[in-house]
């Protein structure tokens, strides 16, 4: 069963399929709420959307695309990296960022649909 099929399961079956421990509601709901908290910042959403259109970008490229200073971009990237939304790849002194997977884009698409439906 691939992730697209799994995502179509009702939540209870999804938890059983992924073999998530019985105390998931306590831990898992806090983790899910933390993800939504991170996605609650418009600058972070902007960073995610720019990264979704580009395979990899450095802080300077993101800074130019978003029109925000590099320090602020780095701060938001750190938060996104700690929540495993973006990943980094280092080449010498350069660090390139990309989305870790496509799921966060799916969440954002659903939020847009929800708000404009």
C-alpha atoms as a PDB file:
ATOM      1  CA  UNK A   1       0.000   0.000   0.000  1.00  0.00           C
ATOM      2  CA  UNK A   2       1.559   3.337  -1.000  1.00  0.00           C
ATOM      3  CA  UNK A   3       1.222   6.651   0.869  1.00  0.00           C
ATOM      4  CA  UNK A   4      -1.531   7.920  -1.412  1.00  0.00           C
ATOM      5  CA  UNK A   5      -3.658   4.863  -0.578  1.00  0.00           C
ATOM      6  CA  UNK A   6      -2.786   5.127   3.102  1.00  0.00           C
ATOM      7  CA  UNK A   7      -3.822   8.771   3.198  1.00  0.00           C
ATOM      8  CA  UNK A   8      -7.314   7.756   2.075  1.00  0.00           C
ATOM      9  CA  UNK A   9      -7.866   5.521   5.123  1.00  0.00           C
ATOM     10  CA  UNK A  10     -10.046   6.671   8.026  1.00  0.00           C
ATOM     11  CA  UNK A  11      -7.876   7.927  10.894  1.00  0.00           C
ATOM     12  CA  UNK A  12      -8.428   4.864  13.118  1.00  0.00           C
ATOM     13  CA  UNK A  13      -7.386   2.475  10.305  1.00  0.00           C
ATOM     14  CA  UNK A  14      -4.453   4.722   9.419  1.00  0.00           C
ATOM     15  CA  UNK A  15      -3.150   4.514  12.998  1.00  0.00           C
ATOM     16  CA  UNK A  16      -3.565   0.723  13.000  1.00  0.00           C
ATOM     17  CA  UNK A  17      -1.845   0.359   9.603  1.00  0.00           C
ATOM     18  CA  UNK A  18       1.127   2.474  10.707  1.00  0.00           C
ATOM     19  CA  UNK A  19       1.275   0.523  13.992  1.00  0.00           C
ATOM     20  CA  UNK A  20       1.176   3.707  16.024  1.00  0.00           C
ATOM     21  CA  UNK A  21       1.130   3.095  19.773  1.00  0.00           C
ATOM     22  CA  UNK A  22      -2.182   3.326  21.666  1.00  0.00           C
ATOM     23  CA  UNK A  23      -1.222   6.575  23.417  1.00  0.00           C
ATOM     24  CA  UNK A  24      -0.955   8.352  20.058  1.00  0.00           C
ATOM     25  CA  UNK A  25      -3.776  10.749  20.807  1.00  0.00           C
ATOM     26  CA  UNK A  26      -1.811  12.286  23.626  1.00  0.00           C
ATOM     27  CA  UNK A  27       1.558  12.490  21.839  1.00  0.00           C
ATOM     28  CA  UNK A  28       0.391  12.574  18.252  1.00  0.00           C
ATOM     29  CA  UNK A  29      -2.139  15.336  18.655  1.00  0.00           C
ATOM     30  CA  UNK A  30       0.479  17.547  20.299  1.00  0.00           C
ATOM     31  CA  UNK A  31       2.860  16.825  17.419  1.00  0.00           C
ATOM     32  CA  UNK A  32       0.154  17.570  14.857  1.00  0.00           C
ATOM     33  CA  UNK A  33      -0.738  20.790  16.666  1.00  0.00           C
ATOM     34  CA  UNK A  34       2.947  21.744  16.618  1.00  0.00           C
ATOM     35  CA  UNK A  35       3.022  21.267  12.859  1.00  0.00           C
ATOM     36  CA  UNK A  36       0.002  23.518  12.424  1.00  0.00           C
ATOM     37  CA  UNK A  37       1.619  26.091  14.703  1.00  0.00           C
ATOM     38  CA  UNK A  38       4.718  26.136  12.486  1.00  0.00           C
ATOM     39  CA  UNK A  39       2.526  26.425   9.380  1.00  0.00           C
ATOM     40  CA  UNK A  40       0.627  29.291  11.011  1.00  0.00           C
ATOM     41  CA  UNK A  41       3.303  31.783   9.997  1.00  0.00           C
ATOM     42  CA  UNK A  42       2.806  33.419   6.552  1.00  0.00           C
ATOM     43  CA  UNK A  43       6.562  33.768   5.989  1.00  0.00           C
ATOM     44  CA  UNK A  44       7.095  30.051   6.559  1.00  0.00           C
ATOM     45  CA  UNK A  45       4.275  29.243   4.154  1.00  0.00           C
ATOM     46  CA  UNK A  46       5.900  31.556   1.611  1.00  0.00           C
ATOM     47  CA  UNK A  47       9.245  29.755   2.069  1.00  0.00           C
ATOM     48  CA  UNK A  48       7.537  26.374   1.604  1.00  0.00           C
ATOM     49  CA  UNK A  49       5.783  27.546  -1.554  1.00  0.00           C
ATOM     50  CA  UNK A  50       9.018  28.950  -3.037  1.00  0.00           C
ATOM     51  CA  UNK A  51      10.823  25.690  -2.213  1.00  0.00           C
ATOM     52  CA  UNK A  52       8.001  23.698  -3.811  1.00  0.00           C
ATOM     53  CA  UNK A  53       8.742  25.468  -7.108  1.00  0.00           C
ATOM     54  CA  UNK A  54      12.532  25.032  -6.885  1.00  0.00           C
ATOM     55  CA  UNK A  55      14.440  21.835  -6.167  1.00  0.00           C
ATOM     56  CA  UNK A  56      17.010  23.502  -3.888  1.00  0.00           C
ATOM     57  CA  UNK A  57      17.738  27.051  -2.786  1.00  0.00           C
ATOM     58  CA  UNK A  58      20.253  28.715  -0.501  1.00  0.00           C
ATOM     59  CA  UNK A  59      19.346  31.395   2.049  1.00  0.00           C
ATOM     60  CA  UNK A  60      20.382  34.188  -0.325  1.00  0.00           C
ATOM     61  CA  UNK A  61      18.103  32.890  -3.117  1.00  0.00           C
ATOM     62  CA  UNK A  62      15.192  32.534  -0.689  1.00  0.00           C
ATOM     63  CA  UNK A  63      15.902  35.995   0.685  1.00  0.00           C
ATOM     64  CA  UNK A  64      15.706  37.512  -2.802  1.00  0.00           C
ATOM     65  CA  UNK A  65      12.560  35.571  -3.702  1.00  0.00           C
ATOM     66  CA  UNK A  66      10.711  36.482  -0.504  1.00  0.00           C
ATOM     67  CA  UNK A  67      12.152  39.995  -0.058  1.00  0.00           C
ATOM     68  CA  UNK A  68      13.259  39.345   3.514  1.00  0.00           C
ATOM     69  CA  UNK A  69      16.734  39.564   5.049  1.00  0.00           C
ATOM     70  CA  UNK A  70      18.871  36.451   5.262  1.00  0.00           C
ATOM     71  CA  UNK A  71      18.863  36.352   9.055  1.00  0.00           C
ATOM     72  CA  UNK A  72      15.052  36.169   9.168  1.00  0.00           C
ATOM     73  CA  UNK A  73      15.021  33.499   6.434  1.00  0.00           C
ATOM     74  CA  UNK A  74      17.609  31.449   8.375  1.00  0.00           C
ATOM     75  CA  UNK A  75      15.512  31.693  11.534  1.00  0.00           C
ATOM     76  CA  UNK A  76      12.412  30.375   9.735  1.00  0.00           C
ATOM     77  CA  UNK A  77      14.403  27.653   7.950  1.00  0.00           C
ATOM     78  CA  UNK A  78      15.720  26.422  11.298  1.00  0.00           C
ATOM     79  CA  UNK A  79      12.162  26.111  12.598  1.00  0.00           C
ATOM     80  CA  UNK A  80      11.057  24.302   9.437  1.00  0.00           C
ATOM     81  CA  UNK A  81      14.076  21.992   9.619  1.00  0.00           C
ATOM     82  CA  UNK A  82      13.426  21.099  13.273  1.00  0.00           C
ATOM     83  CA  UNK A  83       9.838  20.140  12.340  1.00  0.00           C
ATOM     84  CA  UNK A  84      11.251  18.035   9.475  1.00  0.00           C
ATOM     85  CA  UNK A  85       9.521  20.090   6.800  1.00  0.00           C
ATOM     86  CA  UNK A  86      12.738  21.080   5.037  1.00  0.00           C
ATOM     87  CA  UNK A  87      16.093  19.373   4.769  1.00  0.00           C
ATOM     88  CA  UNK A  88      19.514  20.823   4.123  1.00  0.00           C
ATOM     89  CA  UNK A  89      22.474  19.771   2.019  1.00  0.00           C
ATOM     90  CA  UNK A  90      25.882  21.279   2.612  1.00  0.00           C
ATOM     91  CA  UNK A  91      28.456  21.775  -0.137  1.00  0.00           C
ATOM     92  CA  UNK A  92      31.531  23.389   1.376  1.00  0.00           C
ATOM     93  CA  UNK A  93      30.319  26.569   3.052  1.00  0.00           C
ATOM     94  CA  UNK A  94      27.066  26.653   1.080  1.00  0.00           C
ATOM     95  CA  UNK A  95      23.871  25.172   2.502  1.00  0.00           C
ATOM     96  CA  UNK A  96      20.987  24.324   0.182  1.00  0.00           C
ATOM     97  CA  UNK A  97      17.445  23.772   1.396  1.00  0.00           C
ATOM     98  CA  UNK A  98      14.649  21.709  -0.090  1.00  0.00           C
ATOM     99  CA  UNK A  99      11.331  20.259   1.034  1.00  0.00           C
ATOM    100  CA  UNK A 100      11.713  16.959   2.856  1.00  0.00           C
ATOM    101  CA  UNK A 101       8.606  15.492   1.216  1.00  0.00           C
ATOM    102  CA  UNK A 102       5.412  16.548  -0.574  1.00  0.00           C
ATOM    103  CA  UNK A 103       3.021  16.095   2.362  1.00  0.00           C
ATOM    104  CA  UNK A 104       3.286  19.649   3.631  1.00  0.00           C
ATOM    105  CA  UNK A 105       2.262  20.898   0.168  1.00  0.00           C
ATOM    106  CA  UNK A 106      -0.777  18.616   0.294  1.00  0.00           C
ATOM    107  CA  UNK A 107      -1.700  20.073   3.699  1.00  0.00           C
ATOM    108  CA  UNK A 108      -1.406  23.619   2.313  1.00  0.00           C
ATOM    109  CA  UNK A 109      -3.490  22.717  -0.747  1.00  0.00           C
ATOM    110  CA  UNK A 110      -6.226  21.316   1.492  1.00  0.00           C
ATOM    111  CA  UNK A 111      -6.145  24.471   3.634  1.00  0.00           C
ATOM    112  CA  UNK A 112      -6.550  26.641   0.530  1.00  0.00           C
ATOM    113  CA  UNK A 113      -9.419  24.497  -0.734  1.00  0.00           C
ATOM    114  CA  UNK A 114     -11.047  24.569   2.705  1.00  0.00           C
ATOM    115  CA  UNK A 115     -10.882  28.359   2.887  1.00  0.00           C
ATOM    116  CA  UNK A 116     -12.168  29.036  -0.626  1.00  0.00           C
ATOM    117  CA  UNK A 117     -14.744  26.296  -1.073  1.00  0.00           C
END
